[in-house]
Amino acid sequence: MALTAGAPAPAARRSRREFGAAIALAVVAGALALSAAGQTWVRLTAVRRPPLPPVTDALSGGQVAPLVTATGLLLLAAAVALVATRGAGRIAVGLLMAAAGGVLGWSGARTLAGRLAVDVATLSTVGSSPGVRLRPDVHTGWPVLVVVAGVVAVVAGGLVVLHGRGWPAMGRRYERPGPATGGTAPARPQTDEERATAAWRALDRGHDPTEDPTEGDPGPAAGTTTRG
């Protein structure tokens, strides 16, 4: 009997831990993506025809992989949405998180493979020089960090999809029952001090505090007698 009564408590604690872990992972993945997007990912060198010298420009993650910034913001919003949703809505948020993680992984891997979403026009110093060849020098650290962020987001989304329905809805804790939820609350029993104070007040008004207040007053019609 003791094991049965104590079983719900570990399950509730596990659900709260999973819930908090999913939120934390979404925040971490989003923060990593936004942080990496602002860093220099590629130094792009444009080799021009002689006698023109080569031109080098630094490109950030937001320029090389534009989806990284948007996906990072999406994951931060999803962390907030996990708290505000429940049931099927929370599962939809989990699927969105997993999809965002896939986009991050694809963006980082694409950059590591040398496939950049840039062209000669990205280098403002090149202009319209003919015969330009681009030579990218990828800083692998930031794209790898984005791939890691994508994996974290996929793990968080999978956790939500698999277990999100059983997690608590944090907003319910702060909801106050309205008038339609039931009758009035039961009256608090009086203390000895309150009963003594009420008795003295009754004596001051000329009432007998030992009388039962629930008994009806006979009224003047029943208590008067006819004068002869």
C-alpha atoms as a PDB file:
ATOM      1  CA  MET A   1       0.000   0.000   0.000  1.00  0.00           C
ATOM      2  CA  ALA A   2       2.855   2.407   0.801  1.00  0.00           C
ATOM      3  CA  LEU A   3       4.474   1.821  -2.584  1.00  0.00           C
ATOM      4  CA  THR A   4       1.196   2.439  -4.395  1.00  0.00           C
ATOM      5  CA  ALA A   5       0.572   5.688  -2.540  1.00  0.00           C
ATOM      6  CA  GLY A   6       4.077   6.958  -3.204  1.00  0.00           C
ATOM      7  CA  ALA A   7       4.204   5.988  -6.885  1.00  0.00           C
ATOM      8  CA  PRO A   8       2.661   9.196  -8.350  1.00  0.00           C
ATOM      9  CA  ALA A   9       5.255  11.435  -6.648  1.00  0.00           C
ATOM     10  CA  PRO A  10       8.342  10.095  -8.520  1.00  0.00           C
ATOM     11  CA  ALA A  11       6.380  10.152 -11.786  1.00  0.00           C
ATOM     12  CA  ALA A  12       5.406  13.788 -11.223  1.00  0.00           C
ATOM     13  CA  ARG A  13       8.988  14.731 -10.408  1.00  0.00           C
ATOM     14  CA  ARG A  14      10.215  12.954 -13.529  1.00  0.00           C
ATOM     15  CA  SER A  15       7.660  14.817 -15.659  1.00  0.00           C
ATOM     16  CA  ARG A  16       8.750  18.152 -14.218  1.00  0.00           C
ATOM     17  CA  ARG A  17      12.405  17.328 -14.856  1.00  0.00           C
ATOM     18  CA  GLU A  18      11.672  16.345 -18.461  1.00  0.00           C
ATOM     19  CA  PHE A  19       9.605  19.487 -18.941  1.00  0.00           C
ATOM     20  CA  GLY A  20      12.377  21.695 -17.601  1.00  0.00           C
ATOM     21  CA  ALA A  21      14.994  19.853 -19.639  1.00  0.00           C
ATOM     22  CA  ALA A  22      13.052  20.366 -22.886  1.00  0.00           C
ATOM     23  CA  ILE A  23      12.709  24.092 -22.212  1.00  0.00           C
ATOM     24  CA  ALA A  24      16.393  24.404 -21.303  1.00  0.00           C
ATOM     25  CA  LEU A  25      17.508  22.500 -24.413  1.00  0.00           C
ATOM     26  CA  ALA A  26      15.371  24.702 -26.668  1.00  0.00           C
ATOM     27  CA  VAL A  27      16.852  27.850 -25.094  1.00  0.00           C
ATOM     28  CA  VAL A  28      20.402  26.492 -25.403  1.00  0.00           C
ATOM     29  CA  ALA A  29      19.923  25.517 -29.058  1.00  0.00           C
ATOM     30  CA  GLY A  30      18.406  28.893 -29.926  1.00  0.00           C
ATOM     31  CA  ALA A  31      21.117  30.822 -28.097  1.00  0.00           C
ATOM     32  CA  LEU A  32      23.893  28.824 -29.775  1.00  0.00           C
ATOM     33  CA  ALA A  33      22.382  29.410 -33.205  1.00  0.00           C
ATOM     34  CA  LEU A  34      22.013  33.176 -32.674  1.00  0.00           C
ATOM     35  CA  SER A  35      25.484  33.476 -31.200  1.00  0.00           C
ATOM     36  CA  ALA A  36      27.091  31.586 -34.077  1.00  0.00           C
ATOM     37  CA  ALA A  37      25.137  33.495 -36.714  1.00  0.00           C
ATOM     38  CA  GLY A  38      26.829  36.751 -35.728  1.00  0.00           C
ATOM     39  CA  GLN A  39      30.354  35.363 -36.069  1.00  0.00           C
ATOM     40  CA  THR A  40      32.631  35.192 -39.116  1.00  0.00           C
ATOM     41  CA  TRP A  41      32.159  31.881 -40.883  1.00  0.00           C
ATOM     42  CA  VAL A  42      33.978  32.430 -44.160  1.00  0.00           C
ATOM     43  CA  ARG A  43      36.753  34.582 -45.503  1.00  0.00           C
ATOM     44  CA  LEU A  44      35.940  34.801 -49.165  1.00  0.00           C
ATOM     45  CA  THR A  45      38.720  35.751 -51.554  1.00  0.00           C
ATOM     46  CA  ALA A  46      37.868  36.960 -55.031  1.00  0.00           C
ATOM     47  CA  VAL A  47      40.708  36.257 -57.438  1.00  0.00           C
ATOM     48  CA  ARG A  48      40.553  38.772 -60.292  1.00  0.00           C
ATOM     49  CA  ARG A  49      42.347  38.976 -63.604  1.00  0.00           C
ATOM     50  CA  PRO A  50      45.810  40.530 -63.525  1.00  0.00           C
ATOM     51  CA  PRO A  51      46.835  43.190 -62.888  1.00  0.00           C
ATOM     52  CA  LEU A  52      43.948  43.480 -60.417  1.00  0.00           C
ATOM     53  CA  PRO A  53      44.871  42.153 -56.954  1.00  0.00           C
ATOM     54  CA  PRO A  54      42.675  39.626 -55.109  1.00  0.00           C
ATOM     55  CA  VAL A  55      40.029  40.954 -52.763  1.00  0.00           C
ATOM     56  CA  THR A  56      39.088  39.342 -49.433  1.00  0.00           C
ATOM     57  CA  ASP A  57      35.916  39.854 -47.431  1.00  0.00           C
ATOM     58  CA  ALA A  58      34.614  38.348 -44.170  1.00  0.00           C
ATOM     59  CA  LEU A  59      31.125  36.830 -44.203  1.00  0.00           C
ATOM     60  CA  SER A  60      29.076  36.138 -41.082  1.00  0.00           C
ATOM     61  CA  GLY A  61      26.885  33.135 -40.480  1.00  0.00           C
ATOM     62  CA  GLY A  62      23.817  35.240 -41.129  1.00  0.00           C
ATOM     63  CA  GLN A  63      25.112  36.017 -44.620  1.00  0.00           C
ATOM     64  CA  VAL A  64      26.327  32.529 -45.466  1.00  0.00           C
ATOM     65  CA  ALA A  65      23.348  30.656 -43.967  1.00  0.00           C
ATOM     66  CA  PRO A  66      20.403  33.078 -43.521  1.00  0.00           C
ATOM     67  CA  LEU A  67      18.140  30.429 -41.984  1.00  0.00           C
ATOM     68  CA  VAL A  68      20.331  30.093 -38.878  1.00  0.00           C
ATOM     69  CA  THR A  69      19.222  33.413 -37.378  1.00  0.00           C
ATOM     70  CA  ALA A  70      15.536  32.809 -38.061  1.00  0.00           C
ATOM     71  CA  THR A  71      15.729  29.285 -36.676  1.00  0.00           C
ATOM     72  CA  GLY A  72      17.448  30.461 -33.498  1.00  0.00           C
ATOM     73  CA  LEU A  73      14.652  32.953 -32.852  1.00  0.00           C
ATOM     74  CA  LEU A  74      12.098  30.242 -33.564  1.00  0.00           C
ATOM     75  CA  LEU A  75      13.612  27.929 -30.943  1.00  0.00           C
ATOM     76  CA  LEU A  76      13.555  30.645 -28.275  1.00  0.00           C
ATOM     77  CA  ALA A  77       9.896  31.282 -29.065  1.00  0.00           C
ATOM     78  CA  ALA A  78       9.212  27.544 -28.884  1.00  0.00           C
ATOM     79  CA  ALA A  79      10.662  27.420 -25.355  1.00  0.00           C
ATOM     80  CA  VAL A  80       8.050  29.978 -24.284  1.00  0.00           C
ATOM     81  CA  ALA A  81       5.317  28.175 -26.203  1.00  0.00           C
ATOM     82  CA  LEU A  82       5.997  24.957 -24.285  1.00  0.00           C
ATOM     83  CA  VAL A  83       4.893  26.687 -21.097  1.00  0.00           C
ATOM     84  CA  ALA A  84       1.789  28.212 -22.671  1.00  0.00           C
ATOM     85  CA  THR A  85       0.519  25.086 -24.461  1.00  0.00           C
ATOM     86  CA  ARG A  86      -0.632  21.622 -23.501  1.00  0.00           C
ATOM     87  CA  GLY A  87      -1.857  18.470 -25.208  1.00  0.00           C
ATOM     88  CA  ALA A  88      -1.864  18.501 -29.010  1.00  0.00           C
ATOM     89  CA  GLY A  89      -0.582  22.083 -29.119  1.00  0.00           C
ATOM     90  CA  ARG A  90       2.505  21.108 -27.177  1.00  0.00           C
ATOM     91  CA  ILE A  91       3.142  18.156 -29.515  1.00  0.00           C
ATOM     92  CA  ALA A  92       2.956  20.546 -32.481  1.00  0.00           C
ATOM     93  CA  VAL A  93       5.573  22.753 -30.808  1.00  0.00           C
ATOM     94  CA  GLY A  94       7.794  19.683 -30.353  1.00  0.00           C
ATOM     95  CA  LEU A  95       7.532  18.799 -34.034  1.00  0.00           C
ATOM     96  CA  LEU A  96       8.405  22.383 -34.941  1.00  0.00           C
ATOM     97  CA  MET A  97      11.454  22.244 -32.667  1.00  0.00           C
ATOM     98  CA  ALA A  98      12.648  19.018 -34.277  1.00  0.00           C
ATOM     99  CA  ALA A  99      12.185  20.521 -37.751  1.00  0.00           C
ATOM    100  CA  ALA A 100      14.126  23.625 -36.688  1.00  0.00           C
ATOM    101  CA  GLY A 101      16.929  21.386 -35.470  1.00  0.00           C
ATOM    102  CA  GLY A 102      17.033  19.695 -38.869  1.00  0.00           C
ATOM    103  CA  VAL A 103      17.310  23.077 -40.586  1.00  0.00           C
ATOM    104  CA  LEU A 104      20.209  24.068 -38.321  1.00  0.00           C
ATOM    105  CA  GLY A 105      22.047  20.817 -38.995  1.00  0.00           C
ATOM    106  CA  TRP A 106      21.529  21.187 -42.729  1.00  0.00           C
ATOM    107  CA  SER A 107      22.755  24.816 -42.710  1.00  0.00           C
ATOM    108  CA  GLY A 108      25.922  23.986 -40.788  1.00  0.00           C
ATOM    109  CA  ALA A 109      26.737  20.873 -42.820  1.00  0.00           C
ATOM    110  CA  ARG A 110      26.138  22.732 -46.096  1.00  0.00           C
ATOM    111  CA  THR A 111      28.671  25.383 -45.108  1.00  0.00           C
ATOM    112  CA  LEU A 112      31.218  22.781 -44.020  1.00  0.00           C
ATOM    113  CA  ALA A 113      30.865  21.177 -47.455  1.00  0.00           C
ATOM    114  CA  GLY A 114      31.765  24.511 -49.084  1.00  0.00           C
ATOM    115  CA  ARG A 115      28.301  25.206 -50.481  1.00  0.00           C
ATOM    116  CA  LEU A 116      27.774  28.866 -49.672  1.00  0.00           C
ATOM    117  CA  ALA A 117      24.686  30.951 -50.327  1.00  0.00           C
ATOM    118  CA  VAL A 118      26.782  33.829 -51.683  1.00  0.00           C
ATOM    119  CA  ASP A 119      28.002  35.120 -55.016  1.00  0.00           C
ATOM    120  CA  VAL A 120      30.402  37.739 -56.305  1.00  0.00           C
ATOM    121  CA  ALA A 121      27.901  40.496 -55.592  1.00  0.00           C
ATOM    122  CA  THR A 122      28.271  39.776 -51.886  1.00  0.00           C
ATOM    123  CA  LEU A 123      31.778  41.247 -52.012  1.00  0.00           C
ATOM    124  CA  SER A 124      31.170  44.963 -52.237  1.00  0.00           C
ATOM    125  CA  THR A 125      34.790  45.650 -53.153  1.00  0.00           C
ATOM    126  CA  VAL A 126      34.723  43.436 -56.267  1.00  0.00           C
ATOM    127  CA  GLY A 127      32.034  45.303 -58.129  1.00  0.00           C
ATOM    128  CA  SER A 128      31.537  44.167 -61.691  1.00  0.00           C
ATOM    129  CA  SER A 129      35.073  42.925 -62.324  1.00  0.00           C
ATOM    130  CA  PRO A 130      35.077  40.266 -65.079  1.00  0.00           C
ATOM    131  CA  GLY A 131      36.523  36.817 -64.674  1.00  0.00           C
ATOM    132  CA  VAL A 132      36.324  36.667 -60.886  1.00  0.00           C
ATOM    133  CA  ARG A 133      36.911  33.331 -59.129  1.00  0.00           C
ATOM    134  CA  LEU A 134      35.827  32.853 -55.523  1.00  0.00           C
ATOM    135  CA  ARG A 135      38.058  31.027 -53.058  1.00  0.00           C
ATOM    136  CA  PRO A 136      36.323  30.421 -49.712  1.00  0.00           C
ATOM    137  CA  ASP A 137      38.177  29.810 -46.462  1.00  0.00           C
ATOM    138  CA  VAL A 138      35.641  28.328 -44.033  1.00  0.00           C
ATOM    139  CA  HIS A 139      36.095  28.719 -40.276  1.00  0.00           C
ATOM    140  CA  THR A 140      34.737  25.337 -39.304  1.00  0.00           C
ATOM    141  CA  GLY A 141      34.170  26.060 -35.605  1.00  0.00           C
ATOM    142  CA  TRP A 142      30.958  28.076 -35.980  1.00  0.00           C
ATOM    143  CA  PRO A 143      29.236  25.808 -38.530  1.00  0.00           C
ATOM    144  CA  VAL A 144      30.066  22.834 -36.289  1.00  0.00           C
ATOM    145  CA  LEU A 145      28.505  24.686 -33.346  1.00  0.00           C
ATOM    146  CA  VAL A 146      25.347  25.196 -35.411  1.00  0.00           C
ATOM    147  CA  VAL A 147      25.244  21.480 -36.202  1.00  0.00           C
ATOM    148  CA  VAL A 148      25.497  20.778 -32.464  1.00  0.00           C
ATOM    149  CA  ALA A 149      22.664  23.241 -31.833  1.00  0.00           C
ATOM    150  CA  GLY A 150      20.597  21.393 -34.410  1.00  0.00           C
ATOM    151  CA  VAL A 151      21.180  18.070 -32.651  1.00  0.00           C
ATOM    152  CA  VAL A 152      20.174  19.625 -29.317  1.00  0.00           C
ATOM    153  CA  ALA A 153      16.988  21.016 -30.867  1.00  0.00           C
ATOM    154  CA  VAL A 154      16.089  17.638 -32.381  1.00  0.00           C
ATOM    155  CA  VAL A 155      16.586  15.945 -28.990  1.00  0.00           C
ATOM    156  CA  ALA A 156      14.403  18.565 -27.302  1.00  0.00           C
ATOM    157  CA  GLY A 157      11.688  18.237 -29.933  1.00  0.00           C
ATOM    158  CA  GLY A 158      11.718  14.448 -29.702  1.00  0.00           C
ATOM    159  CA  LEU A 159      11.402  14.661 -25.919  1.00  0.00           C
ATOM    160  CA  VAL A 160       8.358  16.889 -26.286  1.00  0.00           C
ATOM    161  CA  VAL A 161       6.713  14.646 -28.887  1.00  0.00           C
ATOM    162  CA  LEU A 162       7.241  11.475 -26.851  1.00  0.00           C
ATOM    163  CA  HIS A 163       6.396  12.724 -23.360  1.00  0.00           C
ATOM    164  CA  GLY A 164       4.873  16.198 -23.713  1.00  0.00           C
ATOM    165  CA  ARG A 165       1.256  15.138 -23.207  1.00  0.00           C
ATOM    166  CA  GLY A 166       1.965  13.932 -19.667  1.00  0.00           C
ATOM    167  CA  TRP A 167       3.817  17.052 -18.551  1.00  0.00           C
ATOM    168  CA  PRO A 168       2.136  19.542 -16.200  1.00  0.00           C
ATOM    169  CA  ALA A 169       0.654  22.763 -17.469  1.00  0.00           C
ATOM    170  CA  MET A 170       2.458  25.377 -15.440  1.00  0.00           C
ATOM    171  CA  GLY A 171      -0.261  27.981 -15.908  1.00  0.00           C
ATOM    172  CA  ARG A 172      -2.837  25.901 -14.009  1.00  0.00           C
ATOM    173  CA  ARG A 173      -0.975  26.410 -10.740  1.00  0.00           C
ATOM    174  CA  TYR A 174      -1.756  30.122 -10.739  1.00  0.00           C
ATOM    175  CA  GLU A 175      -5.369  29.973 -11.846  1.00  0.00           C
ATOM    176  CA  ARG A 176      -7.928  31.033  -9.229  1.00  0.00           C
ATOM    177  CA  PRO A 177     -11.268  29.230  -9.231  1.00  0.00           C
ATOM    178  CA  GLY A 178     -14.050  31.482 -10.411  1.00  0.00           C
ATOM    179  CA  PRO A 179     -17.625  31.707  -9.107  1.00  0.00           C
ATOM    180  CA  ALA A 180     -18.752  28.978 -11.500  1.00  0.00           C
ATOM    181  CA  THR A 181     -16.357  26.365 -10.144  1.00  0.00           C
ATOM    182  CA  GLY A 182     -18.370  25.661  -7.035  1.00  0.00           C
ATOM    183  CA  GLY A 183     -20.150  27.110  -4.040  1.00  0.00           C
ATOM    184  CA  THR A 184     -18.744  29.386  -1.398  1.00  0.00           C
ATOM    185  CA  ALA A 185     -15.775  28.230   0.644  1.00  0.00           C
ATOM    186  CA  PRO A 186     -16.577  26.624   4.027  1.00  0.00           C
ATOM    187  CA  ALA A 187     -16.556  29.015   6.951  1.00  0.00           C
ATOM    188  CA  ARG A 188     -13.475  28.964   9.170  1.00  0.00           C
ATOM    189  CA  PRO A 189     -14.244  27.763  12.704  1.00  0.00           C
ATOM    190  CA  GLN A 190     -14.087  30.503  15.332  1.00  0.00           C
ATOM    191  CA  THR A 191     -11.320  30.539  17.910  1.00  0.00           C
ATOM    192  CA  ASP A 192     -11.947  30.828  21.665  1.00  0.00           C
ATOM    193  CA  GLU A 193     -10.869  34.468  21.598  1.00  0.00           C
ATOM    194  CA  GLU A 194     -13.285  35.279  18.785  1.00  0.00           C
ATOM    195  CA  ARG A 195     -16.161  33.557  20.612  1.00  0.00           C
ATOM    196  CA  ALA A 196     -15.397  35.493  23.813  1.00  0.00           C
ATOM    197  CA  THR A 197     -15.298  38.777  21.911  1.00  0.00           C
ATOM    198  CA  ALA A 198     -18.619  37.981  20.224  1.00  0.00           C
ATOM    199  CA  ALA A 199     -20.190  37.205  23.647  1.00  0.00           C
ATOM    200  CA  TRP A 200     -19.117  40.545  25.137  1.00  0.00           C
ATOM    201  CA  ARG A 201     -20.478  42.371  22.092  1.00  0.00           C
ATOM    202  CA  ALA A 202     -23.790  40.564  22.489  1.00  0.00           C
ATOM    203  CA  LEU A 203     -23.980  41.623  26.185  1.00  0.00           C
ATOM    204  CA  ASP A 204     -23.272  45.224  25.170  1.00  0.00           C
ATOM    205  CA  ARG A 205     -26.248  45.077  22.801  1.00  0.00           C
ATOM    206  CA  GLY A 206     -28.469  43.655  25.525  1.00  0.00           C
ATOM    207  CA  HIS A 207     -28.588  40.120  24.103  1.00  0.00           C
ATOM    208  CA  ASP A 208     -28.077  36.884  25.945  1.00  0.00           C
ATOM    209  CA  PRO A 209     -24.977  35.246  24.421  1.00  0.00           C
ATOM    210  CA  THR A 210     -26.126  31.809  25.631  1.00  0.00           C
ATOM    211  CA  GLU A 211     -29.174  31.827  23.357  1.00  0.00           C
ATOM    212  CA  ASP A 212     -29.015  29.876  20.128  1.00  0.00           C
ATOM    213  CA  PRO A 213     -28.932  32.452  17.287  1.00  0.00           C
ATOM    214  CA  THR A 214     -30.518  29.946  14.886  1.00  0.00           C
ATOM    215  CA  GLU A 215     -33.786  29.869  16.838  1.00  0.00           C
ATOM    216  CA  GLY A 216     -36.440  32.097  15.371  1.00  0.00           C
ATOM    217  CA  ASP A 217     -37.606  35.225  17.147  1.00  0.00           C
ATOM    218  CA  PRO A 218     -41.228  34.807  18.238  1.00  0.00           C
ATOM    219  CA  GLY A 219     -41.865  38.399  17.237  1.00  0.00           C
ATOM    220  CA  PRO A 220     -44.094  40.972  18.836  1.00  0.00           C
ATOM    221  CA  ALA A 221     -47.313  39.352  17.617  1.00  0.00           C
ATOM    222  CA  ALA A 222     -46.687  36.130  19.540  1.00  0.00           C
ATOM    223  CA  GLY A 223     -45.207  37.722  22.657  1.00  0.00           C
ATOM    224  CA  THR A 224     -47.882  40.439  23.344  1.00  0.00           C
ATOM    225  CA  THR A 225     -51.044  39.836  25.351  1.00  0.00           C
ATOM    226  CA  THR A 226     -54.396  41.507  24.945  1.00  0.00           C
ATOM    227  CA  ARG A 227     -55.084  44.154  27.610  1.00  0.00           C
ATOM    228  CA  GLY A 228     -58.467  44.000  29.287  1.00  0.00           C
END
